[in-house]
Amino acid sequence: MHYSVIIIGGGMAGIKTASDLFKAGETNTLILEARNRLGGRLKSQKSTKDPSVSYDFGASWFHDGLKNPLFEKAKKLANVDYFYDDGKYVYVSEDRKNVPTWEFEQIVADIETFGKLYFEEDHERNDVTVKEMCSLYLRKHEKDLSRSQLKYSQQVVRMWLEMWDGISWEAASAKHTFFWGVDHLGRNAYVKNGYRTVFQNEVNELPYKYQKNNIQLNTQVTRIDYENSGLVKVVTKDGSVLPEYEYGTLGKVIFEFEQCFWPKDVHRFYILASELTSKGAARPWQSPTLIINYSAMSDVPSLVFLTQSPVSQQIEHMKPNEIWDLFEPVIRQIATGPVSKPFNTLKTEWNSDPWARGSYSASRIDTENTDKICEILAGGINNRVRFAGAETIGGSSNGCAHGAFYSGEREARYILQKSKTSSKL
């Protein structure tokens, strides 16, 4: 069959493109999705203890709380439960249950400024890793720092970098992190009942008949032929050729317990590593992690651990008891009572998913400026094949669900302008 537009991928960007086109009168479109479900990297699973609460394996927060169309729609529809998890937090190390922020926060800010100035003074300077940048700062200012400042400041920088990009600080670009980085616009709100509801809000913008007839699941694209000036030919299979990207692997491990034995009033636990390398087999306290406390926001006795490369890849091949052995020492450090084993352990598997190959793009050393990559992808190929998705949008929404939403808007607008179809957007 012939379609005016074929959309490859039924995630947030694909659905938004299709719905905007449909509203503007372009209904002869088709969505091809390789998986057996829609949503892409948006995937939720209900809590065993309380089905009204969900865990998200992909996006979990409404980022850019002051400028996020998905968040605004959720508020308007009043069908998404959310929680600002930016209240009480604790930094935890192997030797201390609570590391006071005054012991490192000024030095962390100093390292960030030092990294920015390092590249501002000479834009042509060779890139270095985030670990190397921390070492440069500490070597230069070691005499002015206390033992605690030397110990904790670099581990805090490492924790925030790895929990954001999903890659080791030994591979992450200091130029991206300190020089090209951007801040979010407003607070971040955690989605309690699952991003599936946020995504379904967008799917519902398409008529049921379209959803039934114009969306094909389990359909993998193997080739796109756009050499013919009259049409683009999409060949499917009952793989996929993509440009070469650098992927991060921000993963999650979810432990469900029968009861809570840790502080219920702490929103997040920031776990600092005891080692400076992530190389070798994953071991307790080797790498930092961030723990999200479901007891604080939903009164559900569950803990969600964020993990990064290379730990995420290794966890995907671990059995539940092996995962517990990795994190039990950390849990004992935050516990306020006897520790019990979880009755259920969940984990992400984005690395082994051939249609994800990781969680999202990552800023590795010596890679191109993110905005430049987005500009290239947003330009498409010969005005025939276009790209959408969270990684094709620059700025603070890059890599976020609402970034994918924005890219769908952009592509629908481009197609409508190109085809001279009257837009109702």
Protein backbone atom coordinates (compact mmCIF):
# COMPACT_ATOMS: atom_id res chain seq x y z
CA MET A 1 0.00 0.00 0.00
CA HIS A 2 1.01 3.62 -0.49
CA TYR A 3 0.95 6.12 2.36
CA SER A 4 1.68 9.83 2.41
CA VAL A 5 3.78 9.40 5.54
CA ILE A 6 5.26 6.30 7.17
CA ILE A 7 6.34 6.72 10.78
CA ILE A 8 8.88 4.19 12.04
CA GLY A 9 8.53 3.80 15.78
CA GLY A 10 5.47 4.00 18.01
CA GLY A 11 7.02 5.88 20.90
CA MET A 12 6.14 9.37 22.10
CA ALA A 13 7.64 11.10 19.02
CA GLY A 14 5.93 8.82 16.53
CA ILE A 15 2.52 9.07 18.17
CA LYS A 16 2.75 12.87 18.47
CA THR A 17 3.72 13.21 14.81
CA ALA A 18 0.81 11.04 13.72
CA SER A 19 -1.74 12.81 15.92
CA ASP A 20 -0.71 16.30 14.78
CA LEU A 21 -0.83 15.21 11.16
CA PHE A 22 -4.24 13.63 11.66
CA LYS A 23 -5.66 16.77 13.28
CA ALA A 24 -4.40 18.81 10.32
CA GLY A 25 -6.15 16.54 7.81
CA GLU A 26 -3.26 14.26 6.85
CA THR A 27 -4.81 10.91 7.73
CA ASN A 28 -3.06 8.66 5.18
CA THR A 29 -0.22 7.78 7.53
CA LEU A 30 1.08 4.51 8.97
CA ILE A 31 3.01 3.75 12.17
CA LEU A 32 5.36 0.75 12.13
CA GLU A 33 6.53 -0.49 15.53
CA ALA A 34 9.13 -3.24 15.93
CA ARG A 35 8.04 -4.31 19.41
CA ASN A 36 4.82 -5.98 20.43
CA ARG A 37 3.78 -2.81 22.26
CA LEU A 38 3.74 0.94 21.81
CA GLY A 39 5.70 3.36 23.98
CA GLY A 40 9.33 2.79 23.04
CA ARG A 41 11.43 3.47 26.12
CA LEU A 42 8.33 4.33 28.15
CA LYS A 43 7.46 1.18 30.03
CA SER A 44 5.62 0.77 33.33
CA GLN A 45 4.82 -2.11 35.66
CA LYS A 46 2.36 -2.03 38.53
CA SER A 47 3.49 -2.50 42.11
CA THR A 48 2.65 -5.89 43.61
CA LYS A 49 1.62 -4.29 46.90
CA ASP A 50 -0.47 -1.46 45.43
CA PRO A 51 -1.60 -1.63 41.77
CA SER A 52 -2.37 2.10 41.82
CA VAL A 53 1.39 2.65 42.04
CA SER A 54 3.76 1.79 39.20
CA TYR A 55 7.47 1.49 38.54
CA ASP A 56 8.84 2.97 35.35
CA PHE A 57 11.67 1.24 33.53
CA GLY A 58 12.18 4.26 31.29
CA ALA A 59 11.22 7.88 31.94
CA SER A 60 10.10 8.44 35.55
CA TRP A 61 10.00 12.22 36.02
CA PHE A 62 8.33 15.21 34.46
CA HIS A 63 11.49 17.24 33.87
CA ASP A 64 11.31 20.98 33.11
CA GLY A 65 8.34 21.41 35.42
CA LEU A 66 7.89 25.05 34.37
CA LYS A 67 7.77 24.23 30.68
CA ASN A 68 6.54 20.74 29.95
CA PRO A 69 3.45 20.18 27.77
CA LEU A 70 3.04 16.58 28.97
CA PHE A 71 2.98 17.75 32.57
CA GLU A 72 0.47 20.49 31.79
CA LYS A 73 -1.83 18.03 30.02
CA ALA A 74 -1.58 15.58 32.93
CA LYS A 75 -2.60 18.34 35.34
CA LYS A 76 -5.50 19.33 33.11
CA LEU A 77 -6.77 15.76 32.75
CA ALA A 78 -6.05 15.01 36.42
CA ASN A 79 -5.24 11.39 35.62
CA VAL A 80 -1.55 11.29 36.55
CA ASP A 81 -0.37 11.07 40.16
CA TYR A 82 2.92 12.84 40.72
CA PHE A 83 5.21 13.69 43.60
CA TYR A 84 7.98 16.25 43.98
CA ASP A 85 10.75 14.05 45.34
CA ASP A 86 13.06 16.96 46.07
CA GLY A 87 12.51 17.01 49.80
CA LYS A 88 14.72 15.36 52.40
CA TYR A 89 17.76 13.54 51.04
CA VAL A 90 20.81 11.85 52.51
CA TYR A 91 24.30 11.24 51.14
CA VAL A 92 25.54 7.82 52.23
CA SER A 93 28.99 6.26 52.02
CA GLU A 94 30.35 2.87 53.04
CA ASP A 95 31.73 4.31 56.27
CA ARG A 96 29.06 6.91 57.08
CA LYS A 97 25.27 6.71 57.18
CA ASN A 98 24.96 10.44 56.60
CA VAL A 99 27.67 12.54 54.95
CA PRO A 100 26.91 16.23 55.69
CA THR A 101 26.69 18.32 52.54
CA TRP A 102 28.82 21.07 54.07
CA GLU A 103 31.78 18.70 53.80
CA PHE A 104 31.76 18.77 50.00
CA GLU A 105 29.17 21.09 48.42
CA GLN A 106 31.44 24.11 48.00
CA ILE A 107 34.18 21.97 46.49
CA VAL A 108 31.72 20.33 44.06
CA ALA A 109 30.63 23.82 42.93
CA ASP A 110 34.31 24.75 42.60
CA ILE A 111 35.01 21.70 40.41
CA GLU A 112 32.09 22.61 38.14
CA THR A 113 33.36 26.18 37.73
CA PHE A 114 36.92 24.94 37.24
CA GLY A 115 35.75 22.63 34.44
CA LYS A 116 33.82 25.40 32.74
CA LEU A 117 36.73 27.83 32.91
CA TYR A 118 39.12 25.16 31.64
CA PHE A 119 37.36 25.11 28.25
CA GLU A 120 36.28 28.77 28.21
CA GLU A 121 39.92 29.84 28.36
CA ASP A 122 40.74 27.71 25.33
CA HIS A 123 37.91 26.33 23.21
CA GLU A 124 40.38 24.20 21.25
CA ARG A 125 41.59 22.31 24.29
CA ASN A 126 41.43 18.55 23.97
CA ASP A 127 38.56 16.95 25.79
CA VAL A 128 39.22 14.96 28.96
CA THR A 129 37.04 12.64 31.01
CA VAL A 130 35.10 13.87 34.02
CA LYS A 131 37.35 11.74 36.23
CA GLU A 132 40.44 13.40 34.73
CA MET A 133 38.94 16.87 35.24
CA CYS A 134 38.32 16.12 38.91
CA SER A 135 41.90 14.93 39.23
CA LEU A 136 43.19 18.12 37.60
CA TYR A 137 41.30 20.24 40.12
CA LEU A 138 42.25 18.15 43.15
CA ARG A 139 45.94 18.08 42.24
CA LYS A 140 46.00 21.86 41.82
CA HIS A 141 44.13 22.63 45.04
CA GLU A 142 45.00 19.65 47.22
CA LYS A 143 46.81 21.76 49.84
CA ASP A 144 43.67 23.84 50.42
CA LEU A 145 41.33 20.88 50.94
CA SER A 146 40.51 18.76 53.96
CA ARG A 147 40.64 14.98 53.85
CA SER A 148 36.82 14.80 53.71
CA GLN A 149 36.68 17.32 50.87
CA LEU A 150 39.23 15.34 48.88
CA LYS A 151 37.37 12.09 49.51
CA TYR A 152 33.76 13.06 48.96
CA SER A 153 33.74 15.91 46.43
CA GLN A 154 34.87 13.85 43.45
CA GLN A 155 32.53 11.01 44.36
CA VAL A 156 29.59 13.42 44.46
CA VAL A 157 30.52 14.78 41.02
CA ARG A 158 30.83 11.20 39.82
CA MET A 159 27.46 10.20 41.27
CA TRP A 160 25.56 13.04 39.62
CA LEU A 161 27.26 12.52 36.25
CA GLU A 162 26.73 8.77 36.16
CA MET A 163 23.14 8.94 37.37
CA TRP A 164 22.39 11.49 34.65
CA ASP A 165 24.16 10.12 31.58
CA GLY A 166 24.23 6.44 32.47
CA ILE A 167 27.94 6.05 31.72
CA SER A 168 31.10 5.84 33.82
CA TRP A 169 32.93 9.05 34.69
CA GLU A 170 35.97 7.31 33.17
CA ALA A 171 34.31 7.62 29.75
CA ALA A 172 32.17 10.75 30.14
CA SER A 173 33.16 14.01 28.43
CA ALA A 174 34.19 16.86 30.71
CA LYS A 175 33.49 19.32 27.87
CA HIS A 176 29.88 18.13 27.65
CA THR A 177 29.45 18.05 31.41
CA PHE A 178 31.00 21.37 32.46
CA PHE A 179 31.04 23.50 29.31
CA TRP A 180 28.08 22.47 27.16
CA GLY A 181 25.69 21.35 29.88
CA VAL A 182 22.24 22.89 30.39
CA ASP A 183 19.96 23.17 33.42
CA HIS A 184 16.36 22.07 33.63
CA LEU A 185 13.56 24.62 33.67
CA GLY A 186 11.97 24.21 37.06
CA ARG A 187 11.41 21.32 39.43
CA ASN A 188 11.13 17.65 38.50
CA ALA A 189 8.01 15.70 39.44
CA TYR A 190 8.11 11.91 39.84
CA VAL A 191 5.25 10.02 38.17
CA LYS A 192 3.68 7.68 40.74
CA ASN A 193 1.15 5.78 38.65
CA GLY A 194 3.39 5.14 35.65
CA TYR A 195 4.36 6.97 32.50
CA ARG A 196 2.03 4.64 30.63
CA THR A 197 -0.78 7.03 31.57
CA VAL A 198 1.18 10.02 30.26
CA PHE A 199 1.82 8.18 27.01
CA GLN A 200 -1.77 6.98 26.71
CA ASN A 201 -2.91 10.61 26.94
CA GLU A 202 -1.13 11.15 23.61
CA VAL A 203 -2.34 7.89 22.04
CA ASN A 204 -5.89 8.93 22.86
CA GLU A 205 -5.47 11.94 20.58
CA LEU A 206 -5.74 9.47 17.68
CA PRO A 207 -9.18 8.04 16.81
CA TYR A 208 -9.78 4.41 17.71
CA LYS A 209 -10.18 3.51 14.05
CA TYR A 210 -6.72 4.91 13.30
CA GLN A 211 -5.21 3.03 16.22
CA LYS A 212 -6.74 -0.18 14.97
CA ASN A 213 -5.95 0.15 11.27
CA ASN A 214 -2.91 2.43 10.96
CA ILE A 215 -0.58 1.05 13.61
CA GLN A 216 1.33 -2.17 12.96
CA LEU A 217 3.15 -3.85 15.83
CA ASN A 218 5.88 -6.49 15.49
CA THR A 219 7.00 -4.86 12.24
CA GLN A 220 10.73 -4.33 11.84
CA VAL A 221 12.09 -2.08 9.09
CA THR A 222 15.11 -3.50 7.28
CA ARG A 223 15.64 -0.94 4.53
CA ILE A 224 14.58 2.55 3.43
CA ASP A 225 14.98 3.32 -0.26
CA TYR A 226 14.63 7.05 -1.01
CA GLU A 227 16.54 7.18 -4.31
CA ASN A 228 13.36 7.28 -6.38
CA SER A 229 12.38 10.93 -6.73
CA GLY A 230 8.71 10.06 -6.65
CA LEU A 231 8.43 7.96 -3.54
CA VAL A 232 10.18 6.53 -0.50
CA LYS A 233 10.15 2.75 -0.28
CA VAL A 234 10.13 1.19 3.17
CA VAL A 235 11.02 -2.51 3.32
CA THR A 236 9.95 -4.47 6.40
CA LYS A 237 10.73 -7.88 7.86
CA ASP A 238 8.47 -10.42 9.66
CA GLY A 239 16.57 -5.20 11.75
CA SER A 240 17.10 -1.73 11.30
CA VAL A 241 19.92 0.40 10.01
CA LEU A 242 20.76 3.35 12.26
CA PRO A 243 23.61 5.85 12.35
CA GLU A 244 26.36 5.08 14.85
CA TYR A 245 25.66 6.69 18.22
CA GLU A 246 27.13 6.61 21.68
CA TYR A 247 24.65 5.11 24.11
CA GLY A 248 24.35 5.41 27.85
CA THR A 249 22.82 2.65 29.89
CA LEU A 250 20.87 4.18 32.73
CA GLY A 251 19.16 1.15 34.23
CA LYS A 252 16.99 0.41 37.24
CA VAL A 253 16.68 -2.30 39.84
CA ILE A 254 13.48 -2.48 41.88
CA PHE A 255 13.26 -4.33 45.18
CA GLU A 256 9.79 -5.03 46.59
CA PHE A 257 9.70 -5.80 50.32
CA GLU A 258 6.99 -6.95 52.69
CA GLN A 259 7.62 -3.98 54.99
CA CYS A 260 9.73 -0.86 55.25
CA PHE A 261 12.87 -0.99 57.41
CA TRP A 262 14.47 2.28 56.32
CA PRO A 263 13.56 5.96 56.95
CA LYS A 264 10.16 6.76 55.48
CA ASP A 265 10.75 10.50 55.39
CA VAL A 266 13.81 10.46 53.10
CA HIS A 267 12.89 11.02 49.45
CA ARG A 268 16.28 10.02 48.00
CA PHE A 269 19.44 8.31 49.15
CA TYR A 270 22.56 9.38 47.25
CA ILE A 271 25.03 6.50 47.51
CA LEU A 272 28.70 7.43 47.12
CA ALA A 273 31.21 4.88 45.86
CA SER A 274 34.28 3.74 47.75
CA GLU A 275 36.32 3.09 44.62
CA LEU A 276 37.45 5.36 41.80
CA THR A 277 37.01 2.85 38.97
CA SER A 278 34.05 0.99 37.55
CA LYS A 279 36.22 -1.58 35.77
CA GLY A 280 35.87 -5.29 36.42
CA ALA A 281 32.98 -7.31 37.81
CA ALA A 282 30.38 -5.26 39.67
CA ARG A 283 30.87 -5.35 43.44
CA PRO A 284 29.28 -3.61 46.45
CA TRP A 285 30.23 0.06 46.89
CA GLN A 286 32.22 0.06 43.65
CA SER A 287 29.90 2.46 41.85
CA PRO A 288 27.52 5.22 42.99
CA THR A 289 23.77 4.89 42.80
CA LEU A 290 20.63 6.87 43.55
CA ILE A 291 17.85 5.22 45.55
CA ILE A 292 14.26 6.38 45.12
CA ASN A 293 12.17 5.72 48.22
CA TYR A 294 8.64 4.60 47.35
CA SER A 295 7.71 4.52 51.03
CA ALA A 296 8.14 8.28 51.18
CA MET A 297 5.94 9.09 48.21
CA SER A 298 3.44 6.20 48.01
CA ASP A 299 3.68 4.30 51.29
CA VAL A 300 4.81 1.26 49.31
CA PRO A 301 7.82 -0.63 50.77
CA SER A 302 9.94 -0.58 47.64
CA LEU A 303 13.33 0.85 46.69
CA VAL A 304 14.35 1.76 43.15
CA PHE A 305 18.08 1.84 42.38
CA LEU A 306 19.41 3.75 39.37
CA THR A 307 22.39 2.06 37.75
CA GLN A 308 24.84 2.98 35.01
CA SER A 309 27.32 1.46 32.58
CA PRO A 310 29.02 -0.94 32.99
CA VAL A 311 26.99 -2.08 36.02
CA SER A 312 23.69 -1.98 34.09
CA GLN A 313 24.93 -4.40 31.44
CA GLN A 314 26.16 -6.85 34.05
CA ILE A 315 22.93 -6.70 36.06
CA GLU A 316 20.91 -7.71 33.02
CA HIS A 317 22.67 -11.09 33.16
CA MET A 318 22.41 -11.52 36.94
CA LYS A 319 19.94 -13.64 38.87
CA PRO A 320 17.82 -11.95 41.59
CA ASN A 321 19.97 -13.36 44.41
CA GLU A 322 23.13 -12.02 42.72
CA ILE A 323 21.57 -8.57 42.39
CA TRP A 324 20.61 -8.68 46.06
CA ASP A 325 24.18 -9.58 47.04
CA LEU A 326 25.40 -6.53 45.11
CA PHE A 327 23.11 -4.06 46.84
CA GLU A 328 22.44 -5.61 50.26
CA PRO A 329 25.47 -3.89 51.90
CA VAL A 330 24.13 -0.53 50.70
CA ILE A 331 20.65 -1.28 52.01
CA ARG A 332 22.07 -2.29 55.38
CA GLN A 333 23.74 1.12 55.58
CA ILE A 334 20.42 2.97 55.18
CA ALA A 335 18.39 0.53 57.30
CA THR A 336 16.93 1.53 60.66
CA GLY A 337 15.84 -2.00 61.60
CA PRO A 338 16.41 -5.66 60.72
CA VAL A 339 16.98 -6.13 56.99
CA SER A 340 14.81 -8.62 55.14
CA LYS A 341 15.21 -9.92 51.61
CA PRO A 342 12.85 -8.64 48.88
CA PHE A 343 10.04 -10.89 47.75
CA ASN A 344 10.40 -9.60 44.20
CA THR A 345 13.23 -8.11 42.14
CA LEU A 346 12.71 -6.29 38.85
CA LYS A 347 15.34 -4.94 36.46
CA THR A 348 15.60 -3.09 33.16
CA GLU A 349 16.93 -4.79 30.04
CA TRP A 350 17.52 -1.88 27.65
CA ASN A 351 20.98 -3.08 26.62
CA SER A 352 19.73 -6.40 25.31
CA ASP A 353 16.73 -4.77 23.63
CA PRO A 354 17.76 -4.55 19.94
CA TRP A 355 15.42 -1.60 19.42
CA ALA A 356 16.91 0.42 22.27
CA ARG A 357 20.56 -0.67 22.59
CA GLY A 358 20.79 1.39 25.77
CA SER A 359 18.70 3.93 27.60
CA TYR A 360 19.55 7.07 25.61
CA SER A 361 22.48 8.83 23.97
CA ALA A 362 25.45 9.64 26.19
CA SER A 363 28.11 12.35 26.13
CA ARG A 364 31.31 10.33 25.89
CA ILE A 365 34.73 11.93 25.59
CA ASP A 366 35.58 13.43 22.18
CA THR A 367 32.01 13.22 20.87
CA GLU A 368 30.19 15.99 19.03
CA ASN A 369 28.26 18.74 20.81
CA THR A 370 24.76 17.44 21.56
CA ASP A 371 23.07 20.43 19.94
CA LYS A 372 25.12 19.85 16.78
CA ILE A 373 24.04 16.21 16.64
CA CYS A 374 20.42 17.27 17.14
CA GLU A 375 20.75 19.83 14.34
CA ILE A 376 22.06 17.18 11.95
CA LEU A 377 19.31 14.69 12.83
CA ALA A 378 16.60 17.35 12.65
CA GLY A 379 17.77 18.18 9.12
CA GLY A 380 16.81 14.77 7.79
CA ILE A 381 18.04 13.21 4.55
CA ASN A 382 17.38 14.95 1.25
CA ASN A 383 14.04 16.23 2.55
CA ARG A 384 12.70 12.69 2.19
CA VAL A 385 13.55 10.89 5.43
CA ARG A 386 13.17 12.74 8.71
CA PHE A 387 14.21 11.91 12.28
CA ALA A 388 12.29 12.47 15.50
CA GLY A 389 12.82 11.45 19.08
CA ALA A 390 14.13 12.78 22.38
CA GLU A 391 17.71 12.73 21.06
CA THR A 392 16.90 15.03 18.12
CA ILE A 393 15.96 17.95 20.37
CA GLY A 394 18.59 20.15 22.00
CA GLY A 395 18.41 22.13 25.20
CA SER A 396 16.96 21.05 28.52
CA SER A 397 14.41 18.65 26.98
CA ASN A 398 17.07 16.54 25.25
CA GLY A 399 16.69 12.90 26.22
CA CYS A 400 13.34 13.53 27.95
CA ALA A 401 9.84 12.35 27.10
CA HIS A 402 8.67 15.90 26.43
CA GLY A 403 11.69 16.32 24.13
CA ALA A 404 10.29 13.46 22.05
CA PHE A 405 6.91 15.23 22.15
CA TYR A 406 8.49 18.45 20.85
CA SER A 407 10.24 16.56 18.05
CA GLY A 408 6.93 15.04 16.95
CA GLU A 409 5.43 18.52 16.79
CA ARG A 410 8.41 19.72 14.75
CA GLU A 411 8.22 16.90 12.22
CA ALA A 412 4.47 17.16 11.74
CA ARG A 413 4.86 20.89 11.16
CA TYR A 414 7.63 20.27 8.61
CA ILE A 415 5.62 17.65 6.72
CA LEU A 416 2.55 19.85 6.60
CA GLN A 417 4.55 22.83 5.34
CA LYS A 418 6.27 20.63 2.79
CA SER A 419 3.02 19.22 1.49
CA LYS A 420 1.29 22.62 1.70
CA THR A 421 -1.46 21.08 3.76
CA SER A 422 -3.43 23.60 5.78
CA SER A 423 -2.33 23.15 9.38
CA LYS A 424 -4.78 23.36 12.23
CA LEU A 425 -2.04 23.26 14.84
